[in-house]
């Protein structure tokens, strides 16, 4: 079994005052192929992409197959029981609401202008 490079699946992370959102592109996979885990402030996406045909039939391929695992440190405390994941058209979106304590830690720093 081959493993994808460490940077697959490709992800996009957005962070606002209330939540962290992780979006991963996983074309060719279905919900049943992906596992989403949250432990000790680390989001883990893992699963397997299976070939659609036997290796002996394949003459050339630039597609990736095999198991993958992507670990994403969140950097904030999140409400574990309120985390949600949605999957649509090969895109996995995980919404991780921040705890009130994590929301309170964010503080805007004023920038002083000097001439």
PDB file of N, CA and C in Angstrom:
ATOM      1  N   UNK A   1       0.845  -1.184   0.000  1.00  0.00           N
ATOM      2  CA  UNK A   1       0.000   0.000   0.000  1.00  0.00           C
ATOM      3  C   UNK A   1       0.883   1.238   0.000  1.00  0.00           C
ATOM      4  N   UNK A   2       0.621   2.126  -0.902  1.00  0.00           N
ATOM      5  CA  UNK A   2       1.406   3.362  -0.959  1.00  0.00           C
ATOM      6  C   UNK A   2       0.746   4.435  -0.107  1.00  0.00           C
ATOM      7  N   UNK A   3       1.532   5.391   0.339  1.00  0.00           N
ATOM      8  CA  UNK A   3       1.021   6.493   1.149  1.00  0.00           C
ATOM      9  C   UNK A   3       1.144   7.786   0.372  1.00  0.00           C
ATOM     10  N   UNK A   4       0.143   8.639   0.514  1.00  0.00           N
ATOM     11  CA  UNK A   4       0.194   9.957  -0.110  1.00  0.00           C
ATOM     12  C   UNK A   4       1.276  10.787   0.562  1.00  0.00           C
ATOM     13  N   UNK A   5       1.694  11.858  -0.115  1.00  0.00           N
ATOM     14  CA  UNK A   5       2.621  12.797   0.508  1.00  0.00           C
ATOM     15  C   UNK A   5       1.977  13.418   1.732  1.00  0.00           C
ATOM     16  N   UNK A   6       2.779  13.928   2.618  1.00  0.00           N
ATOM     17  CA  UNK A   6       2.271  14.470   3.889  1.00  0.00           C
ATOM     18  C   UNK A   6       1.286  15.610   3.704  1.00  0.00           C
ATOM     19  N   UNK A   7       1.321  16.275   2.567  1.00  0.00           N
ATOM     20  CA  UNK A   7       0.441  17.425   2.386  1.00  0.00           C
ATOM     21  C   UNK A   7      -0.862  17.072   1.682  1.00  0.00           C
ATOM     22  N   UNK A   8      -1.240  15.817   1.657  1.00  0.00           N
ATOM     23  CA  UNK A   8      -2.510  15.433   1.041  1.00  0.00           C
ATOM     24  C   UNK A   8      -3.419  14.857   2.100  1.00  0.00           C
ATOM     25  N   UNK A   9      -4.656  15.169   2.192  1.00  0.00           N
ATOM     26  CA  UNK A   9      -5.355  16.039   1.253  1.00  0.00           C
ATOM     27  C   UNK A   9      -5.004  17.507   1.472  1.00  0.00           C
ATOM     28  N   UNK A  10      -5.160  18.291   0.415  1.00  0.00           N
ATOM     29  CA  UNK A  10      -4.916  19.724   0.521  1.00  0.00           C
ATOM     30  C   UNK A  10      -6.032  20.339   1.359  1.00  0.00           C
ATOM     31  N   UNK A  11      -5.643  21.210   2.285  1.00  0.00           N
ATOM     32  CA  UNK A  11      -6.637  21.803   3.186  1.00  0.00           C
ATOM     33  C   UNK A  11      -6.592  23.317   3.133  1.00  0.00           C
ATOM     34  N   UNK A  12      -7.700  23.909   3.557  1.00  0.00           N
ATOM     35  CA  UNK A  12      -7.807  25.351   3.744  1.00  0.00           C
ATOM     36  C   UNK A  12      -8.339  25.539   5.158  1.00  0.00           C
ATOM     37  N   UNK A  13      -7.692  26.405   5.921  1.00  0.00           N
ATOM     38  CA  UNK A  13      -8.091  26.625   7.313  1.00  0.00           C
ATOM     39  C   UNK A  13      -8.490  28.079   7.481  1.00  0.00           C
ATOM     40  N   UNK A  14      -9.700  28.303   8.000  1.00  0.00           N
ATOM     41  CA  UNK A  14     -10.121  29.664   8.313  1.00  0.00           C
ATOM     42  C   UNK A  14     -10.373  29.741   9.809  1.00  0.00           C
ATOM     43  N   UNK A  15     -10.121  30.905  10.355  1.00  0.00           N
ATOM     44  CA  UNK A  15     -10.182  31.090  11.804  1.00  0.00           C
ATOM     45  C   UNK A  15     -10.820  32.443  12.087  1.00  0.00           C
ATOM     46  N   UNK A  16     -11.973  32.430  12.761  1.00  0.00           N
ATOM     47  CA  UNK A  16     -12.570  33.699  13.173  1.00  0.00           C
ATOM     48  C   UNK A  16     -12.742  33.676  14.686  1.00  0.00           C
ATOM     49  N   UNK A  17     -13.428  34.657  15.233  1.00  0.00           N
ATOM     50  CA  UNK A  17     -13.567  34.762  16.684  1.00  0.00           C
ATOM     51  C   UNK A  17     -14.253  33.552  17.307  1.00  0.00           C
ATOM     52  N   UNK A  18     -15.185  32.939  16.591  1.00  0.00           N
ATOM     53  CA  UNK A  18     -16.019  31.896  17.182  1.00  0.00           C
ATOM     54  C   UNK A  18     -15.655  30.468  16.793  1.00  0.00           C
ATOM     55  N   UNK A  19     -15.028  30.270  15.619  1.00  0.00           N
ATOM     56  CA  UNK A  19     -14.752  28.905  15.190  1.00  0.00           C
ATOM     57  C   UNK A  19     -13.554  28.808  14.248  1.00  0.00           C
ATOM     58  N   UNK A  20     -13.087  27.589  14.142  1.00  0.00           N
ATOM     59  CA  UNK A  20     -12.066  27.235  13.161  1.00  0.00           C
ATOM     60  C   UNK A  20     -12.773  26.356  12.141  1.00  0.00           C
ATOM     61  N   UNK A  21     -12.524  26.595  10.872  1.00  0.00           N
ATOM     62  CA  UNK A  21     -13.132  25.774   9.834  1.00  0.00           C
ATOM     63  C   UNK A  21     -12.015  25.180   8.987  1.00  0.00           C
ATOM     64  N   UNK A  22     -12.037  23.869   8.828  1.00  0.00           N
ATOM     65  CA  UNK A  22     -11.054  23.161   8.017  1.00  0.00           C
ATOM     66  C   UNK A  22     -11.787  22.544   6.831  1.00  0.00           C
ATOM     67  N   UNK A  23     -11.337  22.897   5.634  1.00  0.00           N
ATOM     68  CA  UNK A  23     -11.920  22.364   4.415  1.00  0.00           C
ATOM     69  C   UNK A  23     -10.847  21.562   3.692  1.00  0.00           C
ATOM     70  N   UNK A  24     -11.187  20.343   3.298  1.00  0.00           N
ATOM     71  CA  UNK A  24     -10.231  19.465   2.622  1.00  0.00           C
ATOM     72  C   UNK A  24     -10.811  18.978   1.304  1.00  0.00           C
ATOM     73  N   UNK A  25     -10.004  19.069   0.248  1.00  0.00           N
ATOM     74  CA  UNK A  25     -10.414  18.536  -1.047  1.00  0.00           C
ATOM     75  C   UNK A  25     -10.015  17.072  -1.108  1.00  0.00           C
ATOM     76  N   UNK A  26     -11.008  16.209  -1.283  1.00  0.00           N
ATOM     77  CA  UNK A  26     -10.750  14.766  -1.359  1.00  0.00           C
ATOM     78  C   UNK A  26     -11.518  14.174  -2.541  1.00  0.00           C
ATOM     79  N   UNK A  27     -11.148  14.583  -3.767  1.00  0.00           N
ATOM     80  CA  UNK A  27     -11.867  14.098  -4.936  1.00  0.00           C
ATOM     81  C   UNK A  27     -11.731  12.587  -5.096  1.00  0.00           C
ATOM     82  N   UNK A  28     -12.799  11.984  -5.563  1.00  0.00           N
ATOM     83  CA  UNK A  28     -12.789  10.542  -5.792  1.00  0.00           C
ATOM     84  C   UNK A  28     -13.092   9.709  -4.565  1.00  0.00           C
ATOM     85  N   UNK A  29     -13.318  10.361  -3.426  1.00  0.00           N
ATOM     86  CA  UNK A  29     -13.640   9.639  -2.203  1.00  0.00           C
ATOM     87  C   UNK A  29     -15.106   9.834  -1.845  1.00  0.00           C
ATOM     88  N   UNK A  30     -15.613   8.917  -1.034  1.00  0.00           N
ATOM     89  CA  UNK A  30     -16.963   9.027  -0.493  1.00  0.00           C
ATOM     90  C   UNK A  30     -16.848   9.148   1.020  1.00  0.00           C
ATOM     91  N   UNK A  31     -17.959   9.508   1.661  1.00  0.00           N
ATOM     92  CA  UNK A  31     -17.961   9.670   3.124  1.00  0.00           C
ATOM     93  C   UNK A  31     -17.391   8.449   3.829  1.00  0.00           C
ATOM     94  N   UNK A  32     -17.756   7.255   3.360  1.00  0.00           N
ATOM     95  CA  UNK A  32     -17.320   6.018   4.012  1.00  0.00           C
ATOM     96  C   UNK A  32     -15.807   5.801   3.933  1.00  0.00           C
ATOM     97  N   UNK A  33     -15.118   6.526   3.044  1.00  0.00           N
ATOM     98  CA  UNK A  33     -13.673   6.372   2.867  1.00  0.00           C
ATOM     99  C   UNK A  33     -12.865   7.250   3.821  1.00  0.00           C
ATOM    100  N   UNK A  34     -13.533   8.159   4.549  1.00  0.00           N
ATOM    101  CA  UNK A  34     -12.850   9.164   5.354  1.00  0.00           C
ATOM    102  C   UNK A  34     -13.222   9.024   6.824  1.00  0.00           C
ATOM    103  N   UNK A  35     -12.220   9.206   7.694  1.00  0.00           N
ATOM    104  CA  UNK A  35     -12.449   9.222   9.132  1.00  0.00           C
ATOM    105  C   UNK A  35     -11.938  10.558   9.669  1.00  0.00           C
ATOM    106  N   UNK A  36     -12.733  11.195  10.510  1.00  0.00           N
ATOM    107  CA  UNK A  36     -12.379  12.482  11.112  1.00  0.00           C
ATOM    108  C   UNK A  36     -12.260  12.275  12.614  1.00  0.00           C
ATOM    109  N   UNK A  37     -11.084  12.590  13.171  1.00  0.00           N
ATOM    110  CA  UNK A  37     -10.831  12.406  14.593  1.00  0.00           C
ATOM    111  C   UNK A  37     -10.353  13.710  15.212  1.00  0.00           C
ATOM    112  N   UNK A  38     -10.720  13.931  16.466  1.00  0.00           N
ATOM    113  CA  UNK A  38     -10.244  15.092  17.224  1.00  0.00           C
ATOM    114  C   UNK A  38      -9.726  14.590  18.558  1.00  0.00           C
ATOM    115  N   UNK A  39      -8.433  14.848  18.825  1.00  0.00           N
ATOM    116  CA  UNK A  39      -7.834  14.403  20.080  1.00  0.00           C
ATOM    117  C   UNK A  39      -6.723  15.355  20.489  1.00  0.00           C
ATOM    118  N   UNK A  40      -6.788  15.823  21.735  1.00  0.00           N
ATOM    119  CA  UNK A  40      -5.761  16.703  22.302  1.00  0.00           C
ATOM    120  C   UNK A  40      -5.443  17.893  21.412  1.00  0.00           C
ATOM    121  N   UNK A  41      -6.470  18.541  20.876  1.00  0.00           N
ATOM    122  CA  UNK A  41      -6.269  19.737  20.076  1.00  0.00           C
ATOM    123  C   UNK A  41      -5.716  19.496  18.687  1.00  0.00           C
ATOM    124  N   UNK A  42      -5.772  18.250  18.224  1.00  0.00           N
ATOM    125  CA  UNK A  42      -5.287  17.930  16.880  1.00  0.00           C
ATOM    126  C   UNK A  42      -6.420  17.274  16.095  1.00  0.00           C
ATOM    127  N   UNK A  43      -6.723  17.836  14.916  1.00  0.00           N
ATOM    128  CA  UNK A  43      -7.707  17.261  14.022  1.00  0.00           C
ATOM    129  C   UNK A  43      -6.978  16.311  13.074  1.00  0.00           C
ATOM    130  N   UNK A  44      -7.474  15.085  12.964  1.00  0.00           N
ATOM    131  CA  UNK A  44      -6.862  14.106  12.075  1.00  0.00           C
ATOM    132  C   UNK A  44      -7.871  13.680  11.021  1.00  0.00           C
ATOM    133  N   UNK A  45      -7.452  13.753   9.764  1.00  0.00           N
ATOM    134  CA  UNK A  45      -8.239  13.273   8.645  1.00  0.00           C
ATOM    135  C   UNK A  45      -7.518  12.060   8.097  1.00  0.00           C
ATOM    136  N   UNK A  46      -8.204  10.934   8.021  1.00  0.00           N
ATOM    137  CA  UNK A  46      -7.536   9.765   7.469  1.00  0.00           C
ATOM    138  C   UNK A  46      -8.519   8.890   6.723  1.00  0.00           C
ATOM    139  N   UNK A  47      -7.972   8.059   5.865  1.00  0.00           N
ATOM    140  CA  UNK A  47      -8.811   7.180   5.087  1.00  0.00           C
ATOM    141  C   UNK A  47      -8.016   6.499   3.998  1.00  0.00           C
ATOM    142  N   UNK A  48      -8.723   6.086   2.953  1.00  0.00           N
ATOM    143  CA  UNK A  48      -8.066   5.364   1.869  1.00  0.00           C
ATOM    144  C   UNK A  48      -8.778   5.657   0.557  1.00  0.00           C
ATOM    145  N   UNK A  49      -7.978   5.870  -0.471  1.00  0.00           N
ATOM    146  CA  UNK A  49      -8.500   6.035  -1.820  1.00  0.00           C
ATOM    147  C   UNK A  49      -8.127   4.793  -2.603  1.00  0.00           C
ATOM    148  N   UNK A  50      -9.142   4.075  -3.062  1.00  0.00           N
ATOM    149  CA  UNK A  50      -8.914   2.813  -3.756  1.00  0.00           C
ATOM    150  C   UNK A  50      -8.918   3.013  -5.268  1.00  0.00           C
ATOM    151  N   UNK A  51      -8.110   2.216  -5.948  1.00  0.00           N
ATOM    152  CA  UNK A  51      -8.063   2.252  -7.404  1.00  0.00           C
ATOM    153  C   UNK A  51      -9.373   1.732  -7.965  1.00  0.00           C
ATOM    154  N   UNK A  52      -9.785   2.272  -9.090  1.00  0.00           N
ATOM    155  CA  UNK A  52     -11.036   1.848  -9.707  1.00  0.00           C
ATOM    156  C   UNK A  52     -10.855   0.645 -10.627  1.00  0.00           C
ATOM    157  N   UNK A  53      -9.597   0.320 -10.931  1.00  0.00           N
ATOM    158  CA  UNK A  53      -9.334  -0.833 -11.791  1.00  0.00           C
ATOM    159  C   UNK A  53      -8.112  -1.575 -11.280  1.00  0.00           C
ATOM    160  N   UNK A  54      -7.903  -2.780 -11.774  1.00  0.00           N
ATOM    161  CA  UNK A  54      -6.743  -3.590 -11.392  1.00  0.00           C
ATOM    162  C   UNK A  54      -5.456  -2.938 -11.892  1.00  0.00           C
ATOM    163  N   UNK A  55      -4.359  -3.107 -11.141  1.00  0.00           N
ATOM    164  CA  UNK A  55      -3.068  -2.559 -11.560  1.00  0.00           C
ATOM    165  C   UNK A  55      -2.633  -3.080 -12.921  1.00  0.00           C
ATOM    166  N   UNK A  56      -2.953  -4.325 -13.224  1.00  0.00           N
ATOM    167  CA  UNK A  56      -2.476  -4.920 -14.481  1.00  0.00           C
ATOM    168  C   UNK A  56      -3.121  -4.260 -15.702  1.00  0.00           C
ATOM    169  N   UNK A  57      -4.264  -3.599 -15.505  1.00  0.00           N
ATOM    170  CA  UNK A  57      -4.929  -2.923 -16.619  1.00  0.00           C
ATOM    171  C   UNK A  57      -4.407  -1.500 -16.835  1.00  0.00           C
ATOM    172  N   UNK A  58      -3.690  -0.978 -15.866  1.00  0.00           N
ATOM    173  CA  UNK A  58      -3.255   0.414 -15.909  1.00  0.00           C
ATOM    174  C   UNK A  58      -1.907   0.526 -16.617  1.00  0.00           C
ATOM    175  N   UNK A  59      -1.861   1.301 -17.696  1.00  0.00           N
ATOM    176  CA  UNK A  59      -0.605   1.493 -18.416  1.00  0.00           C
ATOM    177  C   UNK A  59       0.116   2.748 -17.942  1.00  0.00           C
ATOM    178  N   UNK A  60      -0.642   3.768 -17.557  1.00  0.00           N
ATOM    179  CA  UNK A  60      -0.051   5.025 -17.107  1.00  0.00           C
ATOM    180  C   UNK A  60      -1.029   5.706 -16.165  1.00  0.00           C
ATOM    181  N   UNK A  61      -0.521   6.291 -15.079  1.00  0.00           N
ATOM    182  CA  UNK A  61      -1.405   6.987 -14.148  1.00  0.00           C
ATOM    183  C   UNK A  61      -0.624   8.028 -13.354  1.00  0.00           C
ATOM    184  N   UNK A  62      -1.199   9.207 -13.226  1.00  0.00           N
ATOM    185  CA  UNK A  62      -0.663  10.240 -12.338  1.00  0.00           C
ATOM    186  C   UNK A  62      -1.583  10.422 -11.134  1.00  0.00           C
ATOM    187  N   UNK A  63      -2.571   9.559 -11.006  1.00  0.00           N
ATOM    188  CA  UNK A  63      -3.507   9.625  -9.889  1.00  0.00           C
ATOM    189  C   UNK A  63      -2.885   8.943  -8.673  1.00  0.00           C
ATOM    190  N   UNK A  64      -3.345   9.361  -7.490  1.00  0.00           N
ATOM    191  CA  UNK A  64      -2.829   8.807  -6.244  1.00  0.00           C
ATOM    192  C   UNK A  64      -3.844   7.849  -5.630  1.00  0.00           C
ATOM    193  N   UNK A  65      -3.332   6.738  -5.122  1.00  0.00           N
ATOM    194  CA  UNK A  65      -4.167   5.758  -4.446  1.00  0.00           C
ATOM    195  C   UNK A  65      -3.459   5.327  -3.166  1.00  0.00           C
ATOM    196  N   UNK A  66      -4.227   4.835  -2.222  1.00  0.00           N
ATOM    197  CA  UNK A  66      -3.652   4.310  -0.994  1.00  0.00           C
ATOM    198  C   UNK A  66      -4.201   5.015   0.229  1.00  0.00           C
ATOM    199  N   UNK A  67      -3.581   4.745   1.364  1.00  0.00           N
ATOM    200  CA  UNK A  67      -4.005   5.341   2.636  1.00  0.00           C
ATOM    201  C   UNK A  67      -3.430   6.742   2.787  1.00  0.00           C
ATOM    202  N   UNK A  68      -4.161   7.544   3.542  1.00  0.00           N
ATOM    203  CA  UNK A  68      -3.661   8.880   3.856  1.00  0.00           C
ATOM    204  C   UNK A  68      -4.004   9.217   5.295  1.00  0.00           C
ATOM    205  N   UNK A  69      -3.212  10.119   5.868  1.00  0.00           N
ATOM    206  CA  UNK A  69      -3.479  10.654   7.200  1.00  0.00           C
ATOM    207  C   UNK A  69      -2.901  12.051   7.258  1.00  0.00           C
ATOM    208  N   UNK A  70      -3.725  13.016   7.651  1.00  0.00           N
ATOM    209  CA  UNK A  70      -3.297  14.405   7.762  1.00  0.00           C
ATOM    210  C   UNK A  70      -3.648  14.894   9.148  1.00  0.00           C
ATOM    211  N   UNK A  71      -2.637  15.338   9.911  1.00  0.00           N
ATOM    212  CA  UNK A  71      -2.836  15.830  11.274  1.00  0.00           C
ATOM    213  C   UNK A  71      -2.689  17.346  11.268  1.00  0.00           C
ATOM    214  N   UNK A  72      -3.687  18.030  11.856  1.00  0.00           N
ATOM    215  CA  UNK A  72      -3.722  19.490  11.854  1.00  0.00           C
ATOM    216  C   UNK A  72      -3.852  19.998  13.282  1.00  0.00           C
ATOM    217  N   UNK A  73      -2.767  20.551  13.855  1.00  0.00           N
ATOM    218  CA  UNK A  73      -2.867  21.140  15.202  1.00  0.00           C
ATOM    219  C   UNK A  73      -3.751  22.385  15.145  1.00  0.00           C
ATOM    220  N   UNK A  74      -4.710  22.501  16.055  1.00  0.00           N
ATOM    221  CA  UNK A  74      -5.673  23.589  15.994  1.00  0.00           C
ATOM    222  C   UNK A  74      -5.208  24.857  16.690  1.00  0.00           C
ATOM    223  N   UNK A  75      -4.486  24.739  17.773  1.00  0.00           N
ATOM    224  CA  UNK A  75      -3.999  25.931  18.462  1.00  0.00           C
ATOM    225  C   UNK A  75      -5.004  26.592  19.387  1.00  0.00           C
ATOM    226  N   UNK A  76      -6.219  26.086  19.439  1.00  0.00           N
ATOM    227  CA  UNK A  76      -7.271  26.619  20.320  1.00  0.00           C
ATOM    228  C   UNK A  76      -8.031  25.464  20.943  1.00  0.00           C
ATOM    229  N   UNK A  77      -8.638  25.719  22.099  1.00  0.00           N
ATOM    230  CA  UNK A  77      -9.566  24.752  22.676  1.00  0.00           C
ATOM    231  C   UNK A  77     -10.871  24.841  21.898  1.00  0.00           C
ATOM    232  N   UNK A  78     -11.461  23.677  21.583  1.00  0.00           N
ATOM    233  CA  UNK A  78     -12.729  23.672  20.861  1.00  0.00           C
ATOM    234  C   UNK A  78     -13.779  22.896  21.650  1.00  0.00           C
ATOM    235  N   UNK A  79     -15.036  23.200  21.345  1.00  0.00           N
ATOM    236  CA  UNK A  79     -16.170  22.513  21.968  1.00  0.00           C
ATOM    237  C   UNK A  79     -16.318  21.150  21.292  1.00  0.00           C
ATOM    238  N   UNK A  80     -15.707  20.122  21.877  1.00  0.00           N
ATOM    239  CA  UNK A  80     -15.678  18.788  21.257  1.00  0.00           C
ATOM    240  C   UNK A  80     -17.065  18.285  20.862  1.00  0.00           C
ATOM    241  N   UNK A  81     -18.055  18.519  21.711  1.00  0.00           N
ATOM    242  CA  UNK A  81     -19.393  17.981  21.462  1.00  0.00           C
ATOM    243  C   UNK A  81     -20.175  18.782  20.424  1.00  0.00           C
ATOM    244  N   UNK A  82     -19.623  19.888  19.944  1.00  0.00           N
ATOM    245  CA  UNK A  82     -20.316  20.714  18.945  1.00  0.00           C
ATOM    246  C   UNK A  82     -19.608  20.718  17.597  1.00  0.00           C
ATOM    247  N   UNK A  83     -18.567  19.922  17.448  1.00  0.00           N
ATOM    248  CA  UNK A  83     -17.848  19.841  16.176  1.00  0.00           C
ATOM    249  C   UNK A  83     -18.753  19.160  15.151  1.00  0.00           C
ATOM    250  N   UNK A  84     -18.761  19.687  13.932  1.00  0.00           N
ATOM    251  CA  UNK A  84     -19.579  19.075  12.878  1.00  0.00           C
ATOM    252  C   UNK A  84     -18.750  18.895  11.615  1.00  0.00           C
ATOM    253  N   UNK A  85     -19.107  17.893  10.824  1.00  0.00           N
ATOM    254  CA  UNK A  85     -18.418  17.634   9.567  1.00  0.00           C
ATOM    255  C   UNK A  85     -19.456  17.413   8.473  1.00  0.00           C
ATOM    256  N   UNK A  86     -19.211  18.030   7.321  1.00  0.00           N
ATOM    257  CA  UNK A  86     -20.090  17.878   6.158  1.00  0.00           C
ATOM    258  C   UNK A  86     -19.250  17.448   4.962  1.00  0.00           C
ATOM    259  N   UNK A  87     -19.844  16.657   4.093  1.00  0.00           N
ATOM    260  CA  UNK A  87     -19.142  16.173   2.910  1.00  0.00           C
ATOM    261  C   UNK A  87     -20.045  16.364   1.701  1.00  0.00           C
ATOM    262  N   UNK A  88     -19.526  17.077   0.687  1.00  0.00           N
ATOM    263  CA  UNK A  88     -20.319  17.321  -0.517  1.00  0.00           C
ATOM    264  C   UNK A  88     -19.389  17.521  -1.701  1.00  0.00           C
ATOM    265  N   UNK A  89     -19.655  16.810  -2.784  1.00  0.00           N
ATOM    266  CA  UNK A  89     -18.910  16.952  -4.045  1.00  0.00           C
ATOM    267  C   UNK A  89     -17.399  16.854  -3.861  1.00  0.00           C
ATOM    268  N   UNK A  90     -16.949  15.904  -3.058  1.00  0.00           N
ATOM    269  CA  UNK A  90     -15.517  15.704  -2.877  1.00  0.00           C
ATOM    270  C   UNK A  90     -14.840  16.714  -1.968  1.00  0.00           C
ATOM    271  N   UNK A  91     -15.625  17.492  -1.212  1.00  0.00           N
ATOM    272  CA  UNK A  91     -15.068  18.476  -0.285  1.00  0.00           C
ATOM    273  C   UNK A  91     -15.588  18.179   1.119  1.00  0.00           C
ATOM    274  N   UNK A  92     -14.670  17.989   2.041  1.00  0.00           N
ATOM    275  CA  UNK A  92     -14.988  17.759   3.450  1.00  0.00           C
ATOM    276  C   UNK A  92     -14.808  19.068   4.204  1.00  0.00           C
ATOM    277  N   UNK A  93     -15.817  19.474   4.969  1.00  0.00           N
ATOM    278  CA  UNK A  93     -15.732  20.695   5.774  1.00  0.00           C
ATOM    279  C   UNK A  93     -15.986  20.339   7.229  1.00  0.00           C
ATOM    280  N   UNK A  94     -15.035  20.689   8.093  1.00  0.00           N
ATOM    281  CA  UNK A  94     -15.159  20.433   9.524  1.00  0.00           C
ATOM    282  C   UNK A  94     -15.216  21.781  10.233  1.00  0.00           C
ATOM    283  N   UNK A  95     -16.290  22.024  10.983  1.00  0.00           N
ATOM    284  CA  UNK A  95     -16.460  23.255  11.755  1.00  0.00           C
ATOM    285  C   UNK A  95     -16.192  22.943  13.223  1.00  0.00           C
ATOM    286  N   UNK A  96     -15.259  23.681  13.818  1.00  0.00           N
ATOM    287  CA  UNK A  96     -14.833  23.438  15.200  1.00  0.00           C
ATOM    288  C   UNK A  96     -15.060  24.704  16.025  1.00  0.00           C
ATOM    289  N   UNK A  97     -16.205  24.790  16.733  1.00  0.00           N
ATOM    290  CA  UNK A  97     -16.476  25.977  17.547  1.00  0.00           C
ATOM    291  C   UNK A  97     -15.468  26.103  18.695  1.00  0.00           C
ATOM    292  N   UNK A  98     -14.963  27.312  18.897  1.00  0.00           N
ATOM    293  CA  UNK A  98     -14.005  27.562  19.983  1.00  0.00           C
ATOM    294  C   UNK A  98     -14.744  27.627  21.322  1.00  0.00           C
ATOM    295  N   UNK A  99     -14.059  27.232  22.383  1.00  0.00           N
ATOM    296  CA  UNK A  99     -14.630  27.378  23.720  1.00  0.00           C
ATOM    297  C   UNK A  99     -14.700  28.861  24.066  1.00  0.00           C
ATOM    298  N   UNK A 100     -15.522  29.194  25.059  1.00  0.00           N
ATOM    299  CA  UNK A 100     -15.602  30.598  25.489  1.00  0.00           C
ATOM    300  C   UNK A 100     -14.240  31.085  25.970  1.00  0.00           C
ATOM    301  N   UNK A 101     -13.501  30.208  26.631  1.00  0.00           N
ATOM    302  CA  UNK A 101     -12.169  30.573  27.115  1.00  0.00           C
ATOM    303  C   UNK A 101     -11.235  30.901  25.951  1.00  0.00           C
ATOM    304  N   UNK A 102     -11.295  30.104  24.897  1.00  0.00           N
ATOM    305  CA  UNK A 102     -10.460  30.351  23.720  1.00  0.00           C
ATOM    306  C   UNK A 102     -10.872  31.646  23.030  1.00  0.00           C
ATOM    307  N   UNK A 103     -12.186  31.919  23.006  1.00  0.00           N
ATOM    308  CA  UNK A 103     -12.665  33.159  22.391  1.00  0.00           C
ATOM    309  C   UNK A 103     -12.192  34.370  23.177  1.00  0.00           C
ATOM    310  N   UNK A 104     -12.157  34.245  24.505  1.00  0.00           N
ATOM    311  CA  UNK A 104     -11.751  35.358  25.363  1.00  0.00           C
ATOM    312  C   UNK A 104     -10.262  35.649  25.262  1.00  0.00           C
ATOM    313  N   UNK A 105      -9.463  34.645  24.875  1.00  0.00           N
ATOM    314  CA  UNK A 105      -8.010  34.834  24.783  1.00  0.00           C
ATOM    315  C   UNK A 105      -7.611  35.731  23.622  1.00  0.00           C
ATOM    316  N   UNK A 106      -8.446  35.787  22.589  1.00  0.00           N
ATOM    317  CA  UNK A 106      -8.131  36.626  21.438  1.00  0.00           C
ATOM    318  C   UNK A 106      -8.251  38.083  21.839  1.00  0.00           C
ATOM    319  N   UNK A 107      -7.196  38.820  21.642  1.00  0.00           N
ATOM    320  CA  UNK A 107      -7.185  40.233  22.028  1.00  0.00           C
ATOM    321  C   UNK A 107      -6.550  41.040  20.908  1.00  0.00           C
ATOM    322  N   UNK A 108      -7.241  42.062  20.487  1.00  0.00           N
ATOM    323  CA  UNK A 108      -6.709  42.933  19.437  1.00  0.00           C
ATOM    324  C   UNK A 108      -5.659  43.851  20.037  1.00  0.00           C
ATOM    325  N   UNK A 109      -4.532  43.948  19.365  1.00  0.00           N
ATOM    326  CA  UNK A 109      -3.439  44.811  19.795  1.00  0.00           C
ATOM    327  C   UNK A 109      -3.437  46.065  18.930  1.00  0.00           C
ATOM    328  N   UNK A 110      -3.479  47.213  19.582  1.00  0.00           N
ATOM    329  CA  UNK A 110      -3.449  48.469  18.854  1.00  0.00           C
ATOM    330  C   UNK A 110      -2.070  48.708  18.245  1.00  0.00           C
ATOM    331  N   UNK A 111      -2.065  49.225  17.028  1.00  0.00           N
ATOM    332  CA  UNK A 111      -0.811  49.536  16.354  1.00  0.00           C
ATOM    333  C   UNK A 111      -0.611  51.048  16.411  1.00  0.00           C
ATOM    334  N   UNK A 112       0.497  51.480  16.997  1.00  0.00           N
ATOM    335  CA  UNK A 112       0.789  52.889  17.113  1.00  0.00           C
ATOM    336  C   UNK A 112       1.502  53.370  15.866  1.00  0.00           C
ATOM    337  N   UNK A 113       1.062  54.505  15.382  1.00  0.00           N
ATOM    338  CA  UNK A 113       1.680  55.090  14.197  1.00  0.00           C
ATOM    339  C   UNK A 113       2.721  56.100  14.630  1.00  0.00           C
ATOM    340  N   UNK A 114       3.948  55.909  14.153  1.00  0.00           N
ATOM    341  CA  UNK A 114       5.032  56.842  14.489  1.00  0.00           C
ATOM    342  C   UNK A 114       5.550  57.475  13.206  1.00  0.00           C
ATOM    343  N   UNK A 115       5.834  58.756  13.276  1.00  0.00           N
ATOM    344  CA  UNK A 115       6.384  59.466  12.104  1.00  0.00           C
ATOM    345  C   UNK A 115       7.883  59.460  12.114  1.00  0.00           C
TER     346      UNK A 115
END
